[in-house]
Amino acid sequence: RTGLDVSLLNKSVNVPLNVSLNDVRAPRSAEKTTLTTTLDAVDGGRP
């Protein structure tokens, strides 16, 4: 689980990065092994 603020060079704003992997509640399970995301203003919006 992440709770990150990403500050950009060319804008005086923060872009939140709030993501989680395999966040489950009973009765469940998960086994995903990768997490990929995108931020519009970071690296041209590429994943």
All heavy atoms as atom14 arrays in JSON, in Angstrom:
{
  "sequence": "RTGLDVSLLNKSVNVPLNVSLNDVRAPRSAEKTTLTTTLDAVDGGRP",
  "atom14_mask": [
    [1, 1, 1, 1, 1, 1, 1, 1, 1, 1, 1, 0, 0, 0],
    [1, 1, 1, 1, 1, 1, 1, 0, 0, 0, 0, 0, 0, 0],
    [1, 1, 1, 1, 0, 0, 0, 0, 0, 0, 0, 0, 0, 0],
    [1, 1, 1, 1, 1, 1, 1, 1, 0, 0, 0, 0, 0, 0],
    [1, 1, 1, 1, 1, 1, 1, 1, 0, 0, 0, 0, 0, 0],
    [1, 1, 1, 1, 1, 1, 1, 0, 0, 0, 0, 0, 0, 0],
    [1, 1, 1, 1, 1, 1, 0, 0, 0, 0, 0, 0, 0, 0],
    [1, 1, 1, 1, 1, 1, 1, 1, 0, 0, 0, 0, 0, 0],
    [1, 1, 1, 1, 1, 1, 1, 1, 0, 0, 0, 0, 0, 0],
    [1, 1, 1, 1, 1, 1, 1, 1, 0, 0, 0, 0, 0, 0],
    [1, 1, 1, 1, 1, 1, 1, 1, 1, 0, 0, 0, 0, 0],
    [1, 1, 1, 1, 1, 1, 0, 0, 0, 0, 0, 0, 0, 0],
    [1, 1, 1, 1, 1, 1, 1, 0, 0, 0, 0, 0, 0, 0],
    [1, 1, 1, 1, 1, 1, 1, 1, 0, 0, 0, 0, 0, 0],
    [1, 1, 1, 1, 1, 1, 1, 0, 0, 0, 0, 0, 0, 0],
    [1, 1, 1, 1, 1, 1, 1, 0, 0, 0, 0, 0, 0, 0],
    [1, 1, 1, 1, 1, 1, 1, 1, 0, 0, 0, 0, 0, 0],
    [1, 1, 1, 1, 1, 1, 1, 1, 0, 0, 0, 0, 0, 0],
    [1, 1, 1, 1, 1, 1, 1, 0, 0, 0, 0, 0, 0, 0],
    [1, 1, 1, 1, 1, 1, 0, 0, 0, 0, 0, 0, 0, 0],
    [1, 1, 1, 1, 1, 1, 1, 1, 0, 0, 0, 0, 0, 0],
    [1, 1, 1, 1, 1, 1, 1, 1, 0, 0, 0, 0, 0, 0],
    [1, 1, 1, 1, 1, 1, 1, 1, 0, 0, 0, 0, 0, 0],
    [1, 1, 1, 1, 1, 1, 1, 0, 0, 0, 0, 0, 0, 0],
    [1, 1, 1, 1, 1, 1, 1, 1, 1, 1, 1, 0, 0, 0],
    [1, 1, 1, 1, 1, 0, 0, 0, 0, 0, 0, 0, 0, 0],
    [1, 1, 1, 1, 1, 1, 1, 0, 0, 0, 0, 0, 0, 0],
    [1, 1, 1, 1, 1, 1, 1, 1, 1, 1, 1, 0, 0, 0],
    [1, 1, 1, 1, 1, 1, 0, 0, 0, 0, 0, 0, 0, 0],
    [1, 1, 1, 1, 1, 0, 0, 0, 0, 0, 0, 0, 0, 0],
    [1, 1, 1, 1, 1, 1, 1, 1, 1, 0, 0, 0, 0, 0],
    [1, 1, 1, 1, 1, 1, 1, 1, 1, 0, 0, 0, 0, 0],
    [1, 1, 1, 1, 1, 1, 1, 0, 0, 0, 0, 0, 0, 0],
    [1, 1, 1, 1, 1, 1, 1, 0, 0, 0, 0, 0, 0, 0],
    [1, 1, 1, 1, 1, 1, 1, 1, 0, 0, 0, 0, 0, 0],
    [1, 1, 1, 1, 1, 1, 1, 0, 0, 0, 0, 0, 0, 0],
    [1, 1, 1, 1, 1, 1, 1, 0, 0, 0, 0, 0, 0, 0],
    [1, 1, 1, 1, 1, 1, 1, 0, 0, 0, 0, 0, 0, 0],
    [1, 1, 1, 1, 1, 1, 1, 1, 0, 0, 0, 0, 0, 0],
    [1, 1, 1, 1, 1, 1, 1, 1, 0, 0, 0, 0, 0, 0],
    [1, 1, 1, 1, 1, 0, 0, 0, 0, 0, 0, 0, 0, 0],
    [1, 1, 1, 1, 1, 1, 1, 0, 0, 0, 0, 0, 0, 0],
    [1, 1, 1, 1, 1, 1, 1, 1, 0, 0, 0, 0, 0, 0],
    [1, 1, 1, 1, 0, 0, 0, 0, 0, 0, 0, 0, 0, 0],
    [1, 1, 1, 1, 0, 0, 0, 0, 0, 0, 0, 0, 0, 0],
    [1, 1, 1, 1, 1, 1, 1, 1, 1, 1, 1, 0, 0, 0],
    [1, 1, 1, 1, 1, 1, 1, 0, 0, 0, 0, 0, 0, 0]
  ],
  "atom14_positions": [
    [[0.85, -1.18, 0.0], [0.0, 0.0, 0.0], [0.89, 1.23, 0.0], [1.83, 1.33, 0.8], [-0.92, 0.02, 1.22], [-1.87, 1.22, 1.24], [-2.72, 1.28, 2.49], [-3.65, 0.14, 2.57], [-3.58, -0.81, 3.48], [-2.61, -0.79, 4.39], [-4.46, -1.78, 3.49], [0.0, 0.0, 0.0], [0.0, 0.0, 0.0], [0.0, 0.0, 0.0]],
    [[0.59, 2.18, -0.9], [1.39, 3.41, -0.97], [0.51, 4.62, -0.68], [-0.67, 4.66, -1.04], [2.03, 3.6, -2.36], [1.01, 3.88, -3.33], [2.8, 2.35, -2.78], [0.0, 0.0, 0.0], [0.0, 0.0, 0.0], [0.0, 0.0, 0.0], [0.0, 0.0, 0.0], [0.0, 0.0, 0.0], [0.0, 0.0, 0.0], [0.0, 0.0, 0.0]],
    [[1.1, 5.59, -0.03], [0.49, 6.89, 0.17], [1.54, 7.95, -0.11], [2.16, 8.48, 0.82], [0.0, 0.0, 0.0], [0.0, 0.0, 0.0], [0.0, 0.0, 0.0], [0.0, 0.0, 0.0], [0.0, 0.0, 0.0], [0.0, 0.0, 0.0], [0.0, 0.0, 0.0], [0.0, 0.0, 0.0], [0.0, 0.0, 0.0], [0.0, 0.0, 0.0]],
    [[1.75, 8.25, -1.39], [2.86, 9.11, -1.82], [2.34, 10.36, -2.53], [1.33, 10.31, -3.24], [3.8, 8.35, -2.76], [4.48, 7.1, -2.18], [5.21, 6.34, -3.28], [5.45, 7.47, -1.05], [0.0, 0.0, 0.0], [0.0, 0.0, 0.0], [0.0, 0.0, 0.0], [0.0, 0.0, 0.0], [0.0, 0.0, 0.0], [0.0, 0.0, 0.0]],
    [[3.07, 11.45, -2.35], [2.83, 12.68, -3.1], [4.0, 12.9, -4.04], [5.16, 12.93, -3.62], [2.71, 13.89, -2.16], [1.38, 13.91, -1.43], [0.38, 13.45, -2.0], [1.35, 14.38, -0.27], [0.0, 0.0, 0.0], [0.0, 0.0, 0.0], [0.0, 0.0, 0.0], [0.0, 0.0, 0.0], [0.0, 0.0, 0.0], [0.0, 0.0, 0.0]],
    [[3.68, 13.06, -5.32], [4.71, 13.26, -6.35], [4.67, 14.72, -6.78], [3.67, 15.18, -7.35], [4.48, 12.32, -7.55], [5.57, 12.53, -8.6], [4.42, 10.87, -7.1], [0.0, 0.0, 0.0], [0.0, 0.0, 0.0], [0.0, 0.0, 0.0], [0.0, 0.0, 0.0], [0.0, 0.0, 0.0], [0.0, 0.0, 0.0], [0.0, 0.0, 0.0]],
    [[5.74, 15.44, -6.5], [5.84, 16.84, -6.91], [6.48, 16.92, -8.29], [7.47, 16.25, -8.57], [6.7, 17.63, -5.9], [6.11, 17.59, -4.63], [0.0, 0.0, 0.0], [0.0, 0.0, 0.0], [0.0, 0.0, 0.0], [0.0, 0.0, 0.0], [0.0, 0.0, 0.0], [0.0, 0.0, 0.0], [0.0, 0.0, 0.0], [0.0, 0.0, 0.0]],
    [[5.91, 17.79, -9.15], [6.38, 17.89, -10.53], [7.32, 19.08, -10.7], [7.22, 20.1, -10.0], [5.19, 18.04, -11.47], [4.11, 16.95, -11.34], [2.99, 17.2, -12.34], [4.72, 15.57, -11.53], [0.0, 0.0, 0.0], [0.0, 0.0, 0.0], [0.0, 0.0, 0.0], [0.0, 0.0, 0.0], [0.0, 0.0, 0.0], [0.0, 0.0, 0.0]],
    [[8.27, 18.96, -11.67], [9.25, 20.01, -11.92], [8.62, 21.25, -12.53], [8.92, 22.37, -12.14], [10.34, 19.48, -12.86], [11.36, 18.5, -12.27], [12.28, 17.99, -13.38], [12.18, 19.17, -11.18], [0.0, 0.0, 0.0], [0.0, 0.0, 0.0], [0.0, 0.0, 0.0], [0.0, 0.0, 0.0], [0.0, 0.0, 0.0], [0.0, 0.0, 0.0]],
    [[7.73, 21.07, -13.51], [7.22, 22.2, -14.27], [5.86, 22.7, -13.78], [5.26, 23.55, -14.4], [7.1, 21.83, -15.76], [6.22, 20.6, -15.97], [5.76, 20.0, -15.01], [6.01, 20.24, -17.22], [0.0, 0.0, 0.0], [0.0, 0.0, 0.0], [0.0, 0.0, 0.0], [0.0, 0.0, 0.0], [0.0, 0.0, 0.0], [0.0, 0.0, 0.0]],
    [[5.37, 22.16, -12.68], [4.1, 22.61, -12.12], [4.21, 22.63, -10.59], [4.86, 21.78, -10.0], [2.95, 21.68, -12.53], [2.67, 21.65, -14.03], [1.51, 20.72, -14.33], [1.23, 20.67, -15.82], [0.11, 19.74, -16.14], [0.0, 0.0, 0.0], [0.0, 0.0, 0.0], [0.0, 0.0, 0.0], [0.0, 0.0, 0.0], [0.0, 0.0, 0.0]],
    [[3.58, 23.59, -9.98], [3.62, 23.69, -8.52], [2.45, 22.91, -7.92], [1.65, 23.45, -7.15], [3.55, 25.16, -8.09], [2.36, 25.74, -8.61], [0.0, 0.0, 0.0], [0.0, 0.0, 0.0], [0.0, 0.0, 0.0], [0.0, 0.0, 0.0], [0.0, 0.0, 0.0], [0.0, 0.0, 0.0], [0.0, 0.0, 0.0], [0.0, 0.0, 0.0]],
    [[2.34, 21.63, -8.3], [1.26, 20.77, -7.8], [1.85, 19.43, -7.38], [2.96, 19.05, -7.79], [0.16, 20.55, -8.87], [-0.53, 21.85, -9.21], [0.74, 19.9, -10.11], [0.0, 0.0, 0.0], [0.0, 0.0, 0.0], [0.0, 0.0, 0.0], [0.0, 0.0, 0.0], [0.0, 0.0, 0.0], [0.0, 0.0, 0.0], [0.0, 0.0, 0.0]],
    [[1.08, 18.73, -6.56], [1.43, 17.38, -6.16], [0.43, 16.39, -6.75], [-0.78, 16.63, -6.73], [1.44, 17.23, -4.63], [2.53, 18.02, -3.97], [3.57, 18.3, -4.59], [2.32, 18.4, -2.72], [0.0, 0.0, 0.0], [0.0, 0.0, 0.0], [0.0, 0.0, 0.0], [0.0, 0.0, 0.0], [0.0, 0.0, 0.0], [0.0, 0.0, 0.0]],
    [[0.96, 15.32, -7.29], [0.12, 14.27, -7.86], [0.13, 13.08, -6.9], [1.2, 12.54, -6.62], [0.63, 13.83, -9.25], [-0.26, 12.75, -9.83], [0.7, 15.03, -10.18], [0.0, 0.0, 0.0], [0.0, 0.0, 0.0], [0.0, 0.0, 0.0], [0.0, 0.0, 0.0], [0.0, 0.0, 0.0], [0.0, 0.0, 0.0], [0.0, 0.0, 0.0]],
    [[-1.02, 12.67, -6.36], [-1.02, 11.56, -5.41], [-0.79, 10.22, -6.11], [-1.26, 9.99, -7.22], [-2.41, 11.62, -4.8], [-3.26, 12.26, -5.85], [-2.37, 13.22, -6.56], [0.0, 0.0, 0.0], [0.0, 0.0, 0.0], [0.0, 0.0, 0.0], [0.0, 0.0, 0.0], [0.0, 0.0, 0.0], [0.0, 0.0, 0.0], [0.0, 0.0, 0.0]],
    [[-0.03, 9.37, -5.43], [0.14, 7.99, -5.89], [-0.33, 7.08, -4.75], [0.43, 6.74, -3.85], [1.61, 7.7, -6.23], [1.93, 6.27, -6.67], [1.14, 5.88, -7.92], [3.43, 6.08, -6.9], [0.0, 0.0, 0.0], [0.0, 0.0, 0.0], [0.0, 0.0, 0.0], [0.0, 0.0, 0.0], [0.0, 0.0, 0.0], [0.0, 0.0, 0.0]],
    [[-1.63, 6.74, -4.78], [-2.24, 5.89, -3.76], [-2.71, 4.6, -4.44], [-3.78, 4.55, -5.05], [-3.43, 6.6, -3.1], [-3.01, 7.89, -2.42], [-1.98, 7.94, -1.77], [-3.82, 8.93, -2.56], [0.0, 0.0, 0.0], [0.0, 0.0, 0.0], [0.0, 0.0, 0.0], [0.0, 0.0, 0.0], [0.0, 0.0, 0.0], [0.0, 0.0, 0.0]],
    [[-1.88, 3.57, -4.35], [-2.2, 2.29, -4.98], [-1.98, 1.17, -3.98], [-1.29, 1.33, -2.96], [-1.33, 2.04, -6.24], [-1.64, 3.05, -7.32], [0.16, 2.07, -5.88], [0.0, 0.0, 0.0], [0.0, 0.0, 0.0], [0.0, 0.0, 0.0], [0.0, 0.0, 0.0], [0.0, 0.0, 0.0], [0.0, 0.0, 0.0], [0.0, 0.0, 0.0]],
    [[-2.58, 0.01, -4.25], [-2.39, -1.16, -3.4], [-2.39, -2.41, -4.25], [-2.94, -2.43, -5.35], [-3.5, -1.24, -2.34], [-4.77, -1.38, -2.95], [0.0, 0.0, 0.0], [0.0, 0.0, 0.0], [0.0, 0.0, 0.0], [0.0, 0.0, 0.0], [0.0, 0.0, 0.0], [0.0, 0.0, 0.0], [0.0, 0.0, 0.0], [0.0, 0.0, 0.0]],
    [[-1.77, -3.45, -3.73], [-1.69, -4.73, -4.43], [-2.21, -5.82, -3.5], [-1.76, -5.94, -2.35], [-0.25, -5.05, -4.84], [-0.04, -6.38, -5.57], [-0.69, -6.34, -6.95], [1.45, -6.7, -5.7], [0.0, 0.0, 0.0], [0.0, 0.0, 0.0], [0.0, 0.0, 0.0], [0.0, 0.0, 0.0], [0.0, 0.0, 0.0], [0.0, 0.0, 0.0]],
    [[-3.15, -6.61, -4.02], [-3.72, -7.74, -3.27], [-4.27, -7.3, -1.92], [-3.96, -7.86, -0.87], [-2.67, -8.84, -3.06], [-2.18, -9.43, -4.37], [-2.8, -9.26, -5.4], [-1.05, -10.11, -4.33], [0.0, 0.0, 0.0], [0.0, 0.0, 0.0], [0.0, 0.0, 0.0], [0.0, 0.0, 0.0], [0.0, 0.0, 0.0], [0.0, 0.0, 0.0]],
    [[-5.12, -6.28, -1.96], [-5.79, -5.79, -0.75], [-7.12, -6.53, -0.63], [-8.05, -6.28, -1.39], [-6.03, -4.28, -0.86], [-6.47, -3.66, 0.44], [-6.78, -4.42, 1.38], [-6.51, -2.42, 0.52], [0.0, 0.0, 0.0], [0.0, 0.0, 0.0], [0.0, 0.0, 0.0], [0.0, 0.0, 0.0], [0.0, 0.0, 0.0], [0.0, 0.0, 0.0]],
    [[-7.23, -7.48, 0.33], [-8.4, -8.35, 0.42], [-9.03, -8.28, 1.8], [-8.39, -7.94, 2.79], [-8.03, -9.82, 0.1], [-7.52, -9.94, -1.33], [-7.01, -10.37, 1.09], [0.0, 0.0, 0.0], [0.0, 0.0, 0.0], [0.0, 0.0, 0.0], [0.0, 0.0, 0.0], [0.0, 0.0, 0.0], [0.0, 0.0, 0.0], [0.0, 0.0, 0.0]],
    [[-10.33, -8.61, 1.84], [-11.09, -8.76, 3.08], [-11.7, -10.15, 3.08], [-12.0, -10.71, 2.05], [-12.21, -7.71, 3.16], [-11.73, -6.27, 3.1], [-11.02, -5.86, 4.38], [-10.65, -4.45, 4.37], [-9.53, -3.98, 3.88], [-8.66, -4.8, 3.32], [-9.25, -2.69, 3.93], [0.0, 0.0, 0.0], [0.0, 0.0, 0.0], [0.0, 0.0, 0.0]],
    [[-11.87, -10.72, 4.28], [-12.39, -12.08, 4.4], [-13.81, -12.15, 3.82], [-14.6, -11.21, 3.98], [-12.4, -12.52, 5.86], [0.0, 0.0, 0.0], [0.0, 0.0, 0.0], [0.0, 0.0, 0.0], [0.0, 0.0, 0.0], [0.0, 0.0, 0.0], [0.0, 0.0, 0.0], [0.0, 0.0, 0.0], [0.0, 0.0, 0.0], [0.0, 0.0, 0.0]],
    [[-14.14, -13.29, 3.16], [-13.25, -14.42, 2.85], [-12.73, -14.31, 1.41], [-13.43, -14.66, 0.46], [-14.2, -15.62, 2.98], [-15.54, -15.06, 2.54], [-15.55, -13.59, 2.88], [0.0, 0.0, 0.0], [0.0, 0.0, 0.0], [0.0, 0.0, 0.0], [0.0, 0.0, 0.0], [0.0, 0.0, 0.0], [0.0, 0.0, 0.0], [0.0, 0.0, 0.0]],
    [[-11.51, -13.82, 1.24], [-10.95, -13.66, -0.1], [-9.44, -13.9, -0.06], [-8.82, -13.91, 1.0], [-11.23, -12.26, -0.65], [-12.68, -11.99, -1.01], [-12.8, -10.7, -1.79], [-12.0, -10.74, -3.01], [-11.77, -9.69, -3.78], [-12.24, -8.5, -3.44], [-11.05, -9.8, -4.87], [0.0, 0.0, 0.0], [0.0, 0.0, 0.0], [0.0, 0.0, 0.0]],
    [[-8.87, -14.06, -1.25], [-7.42, -14.18, -1.38], [-7.02, -13.64, -2.75], [-7.85, -13.52, -3.65], [-6.97, -15.64, -1.24], [-7.52, -16.43, -2.27], [0.0, 0.0, 0.0], [0.0, 0.0, 0.0], [0.0, 0.0, 0.0], [0.0, 0.0, 0.0], [0.0, 0.0, 0.0], [0.0, 0.0, 0.0], [0.0, 0.0, 0.0], [0.0, 0.0, 0.0]],
    [[-5.74, -13.29, -2.9], [-5.23, -12.77, -4.16], [-3.74, -13.08, -4.26], [-3.04, -13.12, -3.25], [-5.47, -11.27, -4.27], [0.0, 0.0, 0.0], [0.0, 0.0, 0.0], [0.0, 0.0, 0.0], [0.0, 0.0, 0.0], [0.0, 0.0, 0.0], [0.0, 0.0, 0.0], [0.0, 0.0, 0.0], [0.0, 0.0, 0.0], [0.0, 0.0, 0.0]],
    [[-3.28, -13.3, -5.51], [-1.87, -13.67, -5.71], [-1.26, -12.94, -6.91], [-0.37, -13.46, -7.57], [-1.77, -15.19, -5.91], [-2.22, -16.0, -4.71], [-2.05, -17.49, -4.91], [-1.43, -17.87, -5.92], [-2.52, -18.26, -4.07], [0.0, 0.0, 0.0], [0.0, 0.0, 0.0], [0.0, 0.0, 0.0], [0.0, 0.0, 0.0], [0.0, 0.0, 0.0]],
    [[-1.7, -11.74, -7.18], [-1.11, -10.97, -8.27], [0.3, -10.55, -7.89], [0.54, -10.09, -6.77], [-1.97, -9.74, -8.55], [-1.53, -8.97, -9.79], [-2.48, -7.8, -10.05], [-2.05, -7.03, -11.29], [-2.95, -5.87, -11.55], [0.0, 0.0, 0.0], [0.0, 0.0, 0.0], [0.0, 0.0, 0.0], [0.0, 0.0, 0.0], [0.0, 0.0, 0.0]],
    [[1.27, -10.7, -8.82], [2.69, -10.48, -8.49], [3.27, -9.2, -9.08], [4.44, -8.9, -8.85], [3.54, -11.67, -8.96], [3.36, -11.84, -10.37], [3.13, -12.93, -8.24], [0.0, 0.0, 0.0], [0.0, 0.0, 0.0], [0.0, 0.0, 0.0], [0.0, 0.0, 0.0], [0.0, 0.0, 0.0], [0.0, 0.0, 0.0], [0.0, 0.0, 0.0]],
    [[2.49, -8.44, -9.83], [3.0, -7.18, -10.39], [1.97, -6.08, -10.22], [0.76, -6.34, -10.17], [3.33, -7.31, -11.89], [2.15, -7.68, -12.61], [4.42, -8.33, -12.13], [0.0, 0.0, 0.0], [0.0, 0.0, 0.0], [0.0, 0.0, 0.0], [0.0, 0.0, 0.0], [0.0, 0.0, 0.0], [0.0, 0.0, 0.0], [0.0, 0.0, 0.0]],
    [[2.45, -4.85, -10.13], [1.58, -3.68, -10.04], [2.14, -2.6, -10.95], [3.27, -2.14, -10.77], [1.5, -3.17, -8.59], [0.72, -1.87, -8.39], [-0.73, -2.04, -8.8], [0.81, -1.42, -6.94], [0.0, 0.0, 0.0], [0.0, 0.0, 0.0], [0.0, 0.0, 0.0], [0.0, 0.0, 0.0], [0.0, 0.0, 0.0], [0.0, 0.0, 0.0]],
    [[1.34, -2.21, -11.92], [1.72, -1.17, -12.88], [0.66, -0.07, -12.85], [-0.53, -0.36, -12.78], [1.85, -1.74, -14.3], [2.83, -2.77, -14.3], [2.25, -0.66, -15.29], [0.0, 0.0, 0.0], [0.0, 0.0, 0.0], [0.0, 0.0, 0.0], [0.0, 0.0, 0.0], [0.0, 0.0, 0.0], [0.0, 0.0, 0.0], [0.0, 0.0, 0.0]],
    [[1.1, 1.19, -12.9], [0.15, 2.29, -12.9], [0.68, 3.42, -13.78], [1.78, 3.31, -14.35], [-0.09, 2.8, -11.46], [-1.18, 3.73, -11.46], [1.15, 3.46, -10.9], [0.0, 0.0, 0.0], [0.0, 0.0, 0.0], [0.0, 0.0, 0.0], [0.0, 0.0, 0.0], [0.0, 0.0, 0.0], [0.0, 0.0, 0.0], [0.0, 0.0, 0.0]],
    [[-0.11, 4.47, -13.88], [0.3, 5.64, -14.69], [-0.03, 6.91, -13.92], [-0.97, 6.96, -13.12], [-0.44, 5.69, -16.04], [-1.85, 5.76, -15.81], [-0.14, 4.46, -16.88], [0.0, 0.0, 0.0], [0.0, 0.0, 0.0], [0.0, 0.0, 0.0], [0.0, 0.0, 0.0], [0.0, 0.0, 0.0], [0.0, 0.0, 0.0], [0.0, 0.0, 0.0]],
    [[0.77, 7.95, -14.15], [0.49, 9.3, -13.69], [0.59, 10.21, -14.91], [1.61, 10.22, -15.61], [1.48, 9.74, -12.61], [1.38, 9.01, -11.27], [2.49, 9.48, -10.33], [0.03, 9.22, -10.64], [0.0, 0.0, 0.0], [0.0, 0.0, 0.0], [0.0, 0.0, 0.0], [0.0, 0.0, 0.0], [0.0, 0.0, 0.0], [0.0, 0.0, 0.0]],
    [[-0.48, 10.97, -15.18], [-0.58, 11.72, -16.43], [0.62, 12.63, -16.69], [1.08, 12.75, -17.83], [-1.86, 12.56, -16.43], [-3.11, 11.69, -16.47], [-2.99, 10.52, -16.89], [-4.18, 12.19, -16.08], [0.0, 0.0, 0.0], [0.0, 0.0, 0.0], [0.0, 0.0, 0.0], [0.0, 0.0, 0.0], [0.0, 0.0, 0.0], [0.0, 0.0, 0.0]],
    [[1.13, 13.29, -15.67], [2.19, 14.27, -15.87], [3.59, 13.71, -15.69], [4.57, 14.45, -15.75], [1.99, 15.45, -14.91], [0.0, 0.0, 0.0], [0.0, 0.0, 0.0], [0.0, 0.0, 0.0], [0.0, 0.0, 0.0], [0.0, 0.0, 0.0], [0.0, 0.0, 0.0], [0.0, 0.0, 0.0], [0.0, 0.0, 0.0], [0.0, 0.0, 0.0]],
    [[3.7, 12.4, -15.48], [5.0, 11.77, -15.25], [5.37, 10.92, -16.47], [4.61, 10.04, -16.89], [4.97, 10.89, -13.99], [6.3, 10.17, -13.81], [4.64, 11.75, -12.77], [0.0, 0.0, 0.0], [0.0, 0.0, 0.0], [0.0, 0.0, 0.0], [0.0, 0.0, 0.0], [0.0, 0.0, 0.0], [0.0, 0.0, 0.0], [0.0, 0.0, 0.0]],
    [[6.54, 11.19, -17.04], [7.05, 10.43, -18.17], [6.04, 10.35, -19.31], [5.84, 9.3, -19.93], [7.44, 9.02, -17.73], [8.35, 8.33, -18.74], [8.94, 9.04, -19.59], [8.45, 7.09, -18.69], [0.0, 0.0, 0.0], [0.0, 0.0, 0.0], [0.0, 0.0, 0.0], [0.0, 0.0, 0.0], [0.0, 0.0, 0.0], [0.0, 0.0, 0.0]],
    [[5.37, 11.47, -19.57], [4.43, 11.52, -20.7], [3.21, 10.66, -20.5], [2.51, 10.33, -21.47], [0.0, 0.0, 0.0], [0.0, 0.0, 0.0], [0.0, 0.0, 0.0], [0.0, 0.0, 0.0], [0.0, 0.0, 0.0], [0.0, 0.0, 0.0], [0.0, 0.0, 0.0], [0.0, 0.0, 0.0], [0.0, 0.0, 0.0], [0.0, 0.0, 0.0]],
    [[2.88, 10.28, -19.28], [1.71, 9.46, -19.02], [1.89, 8.0, -19.36], [0.91, 7.25, -19.4], [0.0, 0.0, 0.0], [0.0, 0.0, 0.0], [0.0, 0.0, 0.0], [0.0, 0.0, 0.0], [0.0, 0.0, 0.0], [0.0, 0.0, 0.0], [0.0, 0.0, 0.0], [0.0, 0.0, 0.0], [0.0, 0.0, 0.0], [0.0, 0.0, 0.0]],
    [[3.13, 7.57, -19.57], [3.37, 6.16, -19.87], [3.3, 5.32, -18.6], [3.66, 5.79, -17.51], [4.73, 6.0, -20.55], [4.76, 6.46, -22.0], [6.07, 6.06, -22.67], [7.17, 6.9, -22.2], [7.54, 8.03, -22.81], [6.89, 8.46, -23.87], [8.56, 8.74, -22.35], [0.0, 0.0, 0.0], [0.0, 0.0, 0.0], [0.0, 0.0, 0.0]],
    [[2.89, 4.06, -18.7], [2.81, 3.2, -17.52], [4.21, 2.95, -16.94], [5.2, 2.89, -17.67], [2.22, 1.9, -18.07], [1.57, 2.26, -19.36], [2.37, 3.4, -19.92], [0.0, 0.0, 0.0], [0.0, 0.0, 0.0], [0.0, 0.0, 0.0], [0.0, 0.0, 0.0], [0.0, 0.0, 0.0], [0.0, 0.0, 0.0], [0.0, 0.0, 0.0]]
  ]
}
